[in-house]
PDB file of N, CA and C in Angstrom:
ATOM      1  N   UNK A   1       1.074  -1.479   0.077  1.00  0.00           N
ATOM      2  CA  UNK A   1       0.335  -0.231   0.027  1.00  0.00           C
ATOM      3  C   UNK A   1       0.723   1.206  -0.090  1.00  0.00           C
ATOM      4  N   UNK A   2       2.126   0.981   0.637  1.00  0.00           N
ATOM      5  CA  UNK A   2       2.367   2.377   0.520  1.00  0.00           C
ATOM      6  C   UNK A   2       3.354   2.893  -0.430  1.00  0.00           C
ATOM      7  N   UNK A   3       3.857   1.715  -1.313  1.00  0.00           N
ATOM      8  CA  UNK A   3       4.516   1.437  -2.348  1.00  0.00           C
ATOM      9  C   UNK A   3       3.575   2.409  -3.346  1.00  0.00           C
ATOM     10  N   UNK A   4       2.206   1.936  -3.388  1.00  0.00           N
ATOM     11  CA  UNK A   4       1.337   2.661  -4.147  1.00  0.00           C
ATOM     12  C   UNK A   4       1.522   4.074  -4.376  1.00  0.00           C
ATOM     13  N   UNK A   5       1.448   4.761  -2.573  1.00  0.00           N
ATOM     14  CA  UNK A   5       1.021   5.783  -2.476  1.00  0.00           C
ATOM     15  C   UNK A   5       2.216   6.575  -2.599  1.00  0.00           C
ATOM     16  N   UNK A   6       3.536   6.089  -2.554  1.00  0.00           N
ATOM     17  CA  UNK A   6       4.515   6.803  -3.096  1.00  0.00           C
ATOM     18  C   UNK A   6       5.050   6.465  -4.568  1.00  0.00           C
ATOM     19  N   UNK A   7       4.432   6.147  -5.105  1.00  0.00           N
ATOM     20  CA  UNK A   7       4.461   5.842  -6.990  1.00  0.00           C
ATOM     21  C   UNK A   7       3.622   6.851  -7.311  1.00  0.00           C
ATOM     22  N   UNK A   8       2.167   6.925  -6.618  1.00  0.00           N
ATOM     23  CA  UNK A   8       1.392   8.182  -7.097  1.00  0.00           C
ATOM     24  C   UNK A   8       1.921   9.340  -6.948  1.00  0.00           C
ATOM     25  N   UNK A   9       2.539   9.432  -5.788  1.00  0.00           N
ATOM     26  CA  UNK A   9       3.333  10.958  -5.549  1.00  0.00           C
ATOM     27  C   UNK A   9       4.252  11.129  -6.288  1.00  0.00           C
ATOM     28  N   UNK A  10       5.388  10.266  -6.828  1.00  0.00           N
ATOM     29  CA  UNK A  10       6.198  10.590  -7.531  1.00  0.00           C
ATOM     30  C   UNK A  10       5.865  11.018  -9.043  1.00  0.00           C
ATOM     31  N   UNK A  11       4.811  10.243  -9.537  1.00  0.00           N
ATOM     32  CA  UNK A  11       4.327  10.572 -10.706  1.00  0.00           C
ATOM     33  C   UNK A  11       3.507  12.186 -11.300  1.00  0.00           C
ATOM     34  N   UNK A  12       2.859  12.595  -9.527  1.00  0.00           N
ATOM     35  CA  UNK A  12       2.318  13.859 -10.006  1.00  0.00           C
ATOM     36  C   UNK A  12       3.472  14.763  -9.337  1.00  0.00           C
ATOM     37  N   UNK A  13       4.664  14.642  -8.844  1.00  0.00           N
ATOM     38  CA  UNK A  13       5.377  15.407  -8.870  1.00  0.00           C
ATOM     39  C   UNK A  13       6.280  15.488  -9.934  1.00  0.00           C
ATOM     40  N   UNK A  14       6.447  14.386 -10.447  1.00  0.00           N
ATOM     41  CA  UNK A  14       7.208  14.488 -11.774  1.00  0.00           C
ATOM     42  C   UNK A  14       6.527  15.381 -12.926  1.00  0.00           C
ATOM     43  N   UNK A  15       5.287  14.799 -13.021  1.00  0.00           N
ATOM     44  CA  UNK A  15       4.382  15.665 -13.912  1.00  0.00           C
ATOM     45  C   UNK A  15       4.106  17.485 -13.584  1.00  0.00           C
ATOM     46  N   UNK A  16       4.465  17.467 -13.061  1.00  0.00           N
ATOM     47  CA  UNK A  16       4.296  18.981 -11.943  1.00  0.00           C
ATOM     48  C   UNK A  16       5.895  19.499 -12.346  1.00  0.00           C
ATOM     49  N   UNK A  17       6.543  18.818 -12.630  1.00  0.00           N
ATOM     50  CA  UNK A  17       8.055  19.110 -12.849  1.00  0.00           C
ATOM     51  C   UNK A  17       8.039  19.454 -14.621  1.00  0.00           C
ATOM     52  N   UNK A  18       7.457  18.628 -15.231  1.00  0.00           N
ATOM     53  CA  UNK A  18       7.036  19.024 -16.943  1.00  0.00           C
ATOM     54  C   UNK A  18       6.368  20.249 -16.883  1.00  0.00           C
ATOM     55  N   UNK A  19       5.345  20.221 -16.191  1.00  0.00           N
ATOM     56  CA  UNK A  19       4.342  21.159 -16.688  1.00  0.00           C
ATOM     57  C   UNK A  19       4.882  22.579 -16.497  1.00  0.00           C
ATOM     58  N   UNK A  20       6.011  22.609 -15.409  1.00  0.00           N
ATOM     59  CA  UNK A  20       6.527  24.141 -15.063  1.00  0.00           C
ATOM     60  C   UNK A  20       7.721  24.197 -16.234  1.00  0.00           C
ATOM     61  N   UNK A  21       8.526  22.999 -16.351  1.00  0.00           N
ATOM     62  CA  UNK A  21       9.418  23.477 -17.875  1.00  0.00           C
ATOM     63  C   UNK A  21       8.228  24.097 -18.968  1.00  0.00           C
ATOM     64  N   UNK A  22       7.552  23.156 -19.058  1.00  0.00           N
ATOM     65  CA  UNK A  22       6.788  23.450 -20.766  1.00  0.00           C
ATOM     66  C   UNK A  22       6.188  25.216 -20.226  1.00  0.00           C
ATOM     67  N   UNK A  23       5.633  25.616 -19.192  1.00  0.00           N
ATOM     68  CA  UNK A  23       5.450  26.928 -18.658  1.00  0.00           C
ATOM     69  C   UNK A  23       6.554  27.734 -19.351  1.00  0.00           C
ATOM     70  N   UNK A  24       7.723  27.234 -18.396  1.00  0.00           N
ATOM     71  CA  UNK A  24       8.894  28.029 -19.092  1.00  0.00           C
ATOM     72  C   UNK A  24       9.491  28.615 -20.332  1.00  0.00           C
ATOM     73  N   UNK A  25       9.180  27.207 -21.079  1.00  0.00           N
ATOM     74  CA  UNK A  25       9.539  27.534 -22.540  1.00  0.00           C
ATOM     75  C   UNK A  25       8.416  28.308 -23.336  1.00  0.00           C
ATOM     76  N   UNK A  26       7.210  28.193 -22.791  1.00  0.00           N
ATOM     77  CA  UNK A  26       6.293  29.096 -23.576  1.00  0.00           C
ATOM     78  C   UNK A  26       6.920  30.902 -23.105  1.00  0.00           C
ATOM     79  N   UNK A  27       7.229  30.841 -21.937  1.00  0.00           N
ATOM     80  CA  UNK A  27       7.437  32.045 -21.775  1.00  0.00           C
ATOM     81  C   UNK A  27       8.028  32.921 -22.426  1.00  0.00           C
ATOM     82  N   UNK A  28       9.484  31.964 -22.727  1.00  0.00           N
ATOM     83  CA  UNK A  28      10.430  32.232 -23.284  1.00  0.00           C
ATOM     84  C   UNK A  28      10.225  32.442 -24.545  1.00  0.00           C
ATOM     85  N   UNK A  29       8.872  31.855 -25.160  1.00  0.00           N
ATOM     86  CA  UNK A  29       8.842  31.984 -26.437  1.00  0.00           C
ATOM     87  C   UNK A  29       8.265  33.035 -27.217  1.00  0.00           C
ATOM     88  N   UNK A  30       7.779  33.571 -25.654  1.00  0.00           N
ATOM     89  CA  UNK A  30       7.101  34.956 -26.235  1.00  0.00           C
ATOM     90  C   UNK A  30       8.000  36.468 -26.221  1.00  0.00           C
ATOM     91  N   UNK A  31       9.152  36.340 -25.784  1.00  0.00           N
ATOM     92  CA  UNK A  31      10.170  37.396 -26.074  1.00  0.00           C
ATOM     93  C   UNK A  31      11.544  36.691 -25.247  1.00  0.00           C
ATOM     94  N   UNK A  32      12.266  36.832 -25.923  1.00  0.00           N
ATOM     95  CA  UNK A  32      13.759  36.452 -25.336  1.00  0.00           C
ATOM     96  C   UNK A  32      13.887  37.016 -23.884  1.00  0.00           C
ATOM     97  N   UNK A  33      13.906  35.796 -22.854  1.00  0.00           N
ATOM     98  CA  UNK A  33      14.263  36.729 -21.399  1.00  0.00           C
ATOM     99  C   UNK A  33      13.487  37.499 -21.140  1.00  0.00           C
ATOM    100  N   UNK A  34      12.089  37.560 -21.641  1.00  0.00           N
ATOM    101  CA  UNK A  34      11.273  38.803 -21.390  1.00  0.00           C
ATOM    102  C   UNK A  34      10.746  39.045 -20.101  1.00  0.00           C
ATOM    103  N   UNK A  35      10.352  37.818 -19.600  1.00  0.00           N
ATOM    104  CA  UNK A  35      10.222  38.003 -17.854  1.00  0.00           C
ATOM    105  C   UNK A  35      11.114  36.900 -17.248  1.00  0.00           C
ATOM    106  N   UNK A  36      12.223  37.633 -16.726  1.00  0.00           N
ATOM    107  CA  UNK A  36      13.423  36.861 -16.765  1.00  0.00           C
ATOM    108  C   UNK A  36      13.366  36.025 -15.365  1.00  0.00           C
ATOM    109  N   UNK A  37      12.684  37.017 -14.450  1.00  0.00           N
ATOM    110  CA  UNK A  37      12.709  36.194 -12.759  1.00  0.00           C
ATOM    111  C   UNK A  37      11.193  34.891 -12.844  1.00  0.00           C
ATOM    112  N   UNK A  38      10.216  35.025 -13.786  1.00  0.00           N
ATOM    113  CA  UNK A  38       9.579  34.016 -13.760  1.00  0.00           C
ATOM    114  C   UNK A  38       9.927  33.163 -14.236  1.00  0.00           C
ATOM    115  N   UNK A  39      10.764  32.789 -15.217  1.00  0.00           N
ATOM    116  CA  UNK A  39      11.478  31.542 -15.726  1.00  0.00           C
ATOM    117  C   UNK A  39      12.350  31.338 -14.816  1.00  0.00           C
ATOM    118  N   UNK A  40      13.202  31.867 -14.352  1.00  0.00           N
ATOM    119  CA  UNK A  40      13.704  31.201 -13.434  1.00  0.00           C
ATOM    120  C   UNK A  40      13.327  30.627 -12.013  1.00  0.00           C
ATOM    121  N   UNK A  41      12.164  31.203 -11.500  1.00  0.00           N
ATOM    122  CA  UNK A  41      11.337  30.413 -10.359  1.00  0.00           C
ATOM    123  C   UNK A  41      11.128  29.436 -10.903  1.00  0.00           C
ATOM    124  N   UNK A  42      10.121  29.557 -12.227  1.00  0.00           N
ATOM    125  CA  UNK A  42       9.532  28.214 -12.437  1.00  0.00           C
ATOM    126  C   UNK A  42      10.796  26.924 -12.861  1.00  0.00           C
ATOM    127  N   UNK A  43      11.883  27.521 -13.432  1.00  0.00           N
ATOM    128  CA  UNK A  43      12.535  26.403 -13.620  1.00  0.00           C
ATOM    129  C   UNK A  43      13.074  25.851 -11.945  1.00  0.00           C
ATOM    130  N   UNK A  44      13.746  26.763 -11.270  1.00  0.00           N
ATOM    131  CA  UNK A  44      13.415  26.118  -9.968  1.00  0.00           C
ATOM    132  C   UNK A  44      12.748  25.405  -9.203  1.00  0.00           C
ATOM    133  N   UNK A  45      11.444  25.740  -9.130  1.00  0.00           N
ATOM    134  CA  UNK A  45      10.335  25.116  -8.772  1.00  0.00           C
ATOM    135  C   UNK A  45      10.050  23.396  -9.539  1.00  0.00           C
ATOM    136  N   UNK A  46      10.642  23.896 -10.615  1.00  0.00           N
ATOM    137  CA  UNK A  46      10.237  22.150 -11.706  1.00  0.00           C
ATOM    138  C   UNK A  46      11.597  21.454 -11.209  1.00  0.00           C
ATOM    139  N   UNK A  47      12.382  21.877 -11.017  1.00  0.00           N
ATOM    140  CA  UNK A  47      13.774  20.919 -10.671  1.00  0.00           C
ATOM    141  C   UNK A  47      13.705  20.443  -9.149  1.00  0.00           C
ATOM    142  N   UNK A  48      13.107  21.187  -8.551  1.00  0.00           N
ATOM    143  CA  UNK A  48      12.933  20.965  -7.008  1.00  0.00           C
ATOM    144  C   UNK A  48      11.785  19.853  -6.970  1.00  0.00           C
ATOM    145  N   UNK A  49      10.755  19.913  -7.898  1.00  0.00           N
ATOM    146  CA  UNK A  49       9.191  19.011  -8.140  1.00  0.00           C
ATOM    147  C   UNK A  49      10.088  17.702  -8.980  1.00  0.00           C
ATOM    148  N   UNK A  50      11.221  17.801  -9.849  1.00  0.00           N
ATOM    149  CA  UNK A  50      11.731  16.291 -10.585  1.00  0.00           C
ATOM    150  C   UNK A  50      12.311  15.527  -9.159  1.00  0.00           C
ATOM    151  N   UNK A  51      13.136  16.481  -8.420  1.00  0.00           N
ATOM    152  CA  UNK A  51      14.022  15.645  -7.740  1.00  0.00           C
ATOM    153  C   UNK A  51      13.005  15.145  -6.483  1.00  0.00           C
ATOM    154  N   UNK A  52      12.200  15.916  -6.175  1.00  0.00           N
ATOM    155  CA  UNK A  52      11.246  14.740  -4.995  1.00  0.00           C
ATOM    156  C   UNK A  52      10.428  13.695  -5.236  1.00  0.00           C
ATOM    157  N   UNK A  53      10.440  13.856  -6.953  1.00  0.00           N
ATOM    158  CA  UNK A  53       9.679  13.050  -7.515  1.00  0.00           C
ATOM    159  C   UNK A  53      10.080  11.636  -8.004  1.00  0.00           C
ATOM    160  N   UNK A  54      11.942  12.055  -8.128  1.00  0.00           N
ATOM    161  CA  UNK A  54      12.935  11.150  -8.198  1.00  0.00           C
ATOM    162  C   UNK A  54      12.658  10.039  -6.800  1.00  0.00           C
ATOM    163  N   UNK A  55      12.875  11.136  -5.826  1.00  0.00           N
ATOM    164  CA  UNK A  55      13.159  10.630  -4.512  1.00  0.00           C
ATOM    165  C   UNK A  55      12.000   9.837  -4.038  1.00  0.00           C
ATOM    166  N   UNK A  56      11.023   9.850  -4.331  1.00  0.00           N
ATOM    167  CA  UNK A  56       9.643   9.122  -4.021  1.00  0.00           C
ATOM    168  C   UNK A  56       9.637   7.884  -5.127  1.00  0.00           C
ATOM    169  N   UNK A  57      10.243   7.370  -6.026  1.00  0.00           N
ATOM    170  CA  UNK A  57      10.314   6.528  -7.084  1.00  0.00           C
ATOM    171  C   UNK A  57      11.167   5.454  -6.397  1.00  0.00           C
ATOM    172  N   UNK A  58      12.872   6.276  -5.803  1.00  0.00           N
ATOM    173  CA  UNK A  58      13.519   5.430  -5.240  1.00  0.00           C
ATOM    174  C   UNK A  58      13.002   4.726  -3.739  1.00  0.00           C
ATOM    175  N   UNK A  59      12.152   5.596  -3.221  1.00  0.00           N
ATOM    176  CA  UNK A  59      11.497   4.919  -2.088  1.00  0.00           C
ATOM    177  C   UNK A  59      10.622   3.652  -2.512  1.00  0.00           C
ATOM    178  N   UNK A  60       9.974   4.288  -3.873  1.00  0.00           N
ATOM    179  CA  UNK A  60       8.492   2.975  -4.208  1.00  0.00           C
ATOM    180  C   UNK A  60       9.780   1.879  -4.257  1.00  0.00           C
ATOM    181  N   UNK A  61      11.220   1.499  -4.760  1.00  0.00           N
ATOM    182  CA  UNK A  61      11.773   0.684  -5.179  1.00  0.00           C
ATOM    183  C   UNK A  61      12.142  -0.176  -4.170  1.00  0.00           C
ATOM    184  N   UNK A  62      12.167   0.564  -2.942  1.00  0.00           N
ATOM    185  CA  UNK A  62      12.680  -0.193  -1.484  1.00  0.00           C
ATOM    186  C   UNK A  62      11.832  -1.267  -1.165  1.00  0.00           C
ATOM    187  N   UNK A  63      10.302  -1.050  -1.261  1.00  0.00           N
ATOM    188  CA  UNK A  63       9.393  -1.652  -0.993  1.00  0.00           C
ATOM    189  C   UNK A  63       9.036  -3.060  -1.863  1.00  0.00           C
TER     190      UNK A  63
END
């Protein structure tokens, strides 16, 4: 049961990271570094979210 919970949390965090990276790309396409702070913030949150997702997948493999 815990493995299922950790797996789905990993999926959710990974999808969130992908979504944030895509929003950064959309922001960049509007104009080259037009809103640089927003792009950096999205990239930072995306990396953190992907890291948490990977940690959950590693925890899932332990069960």
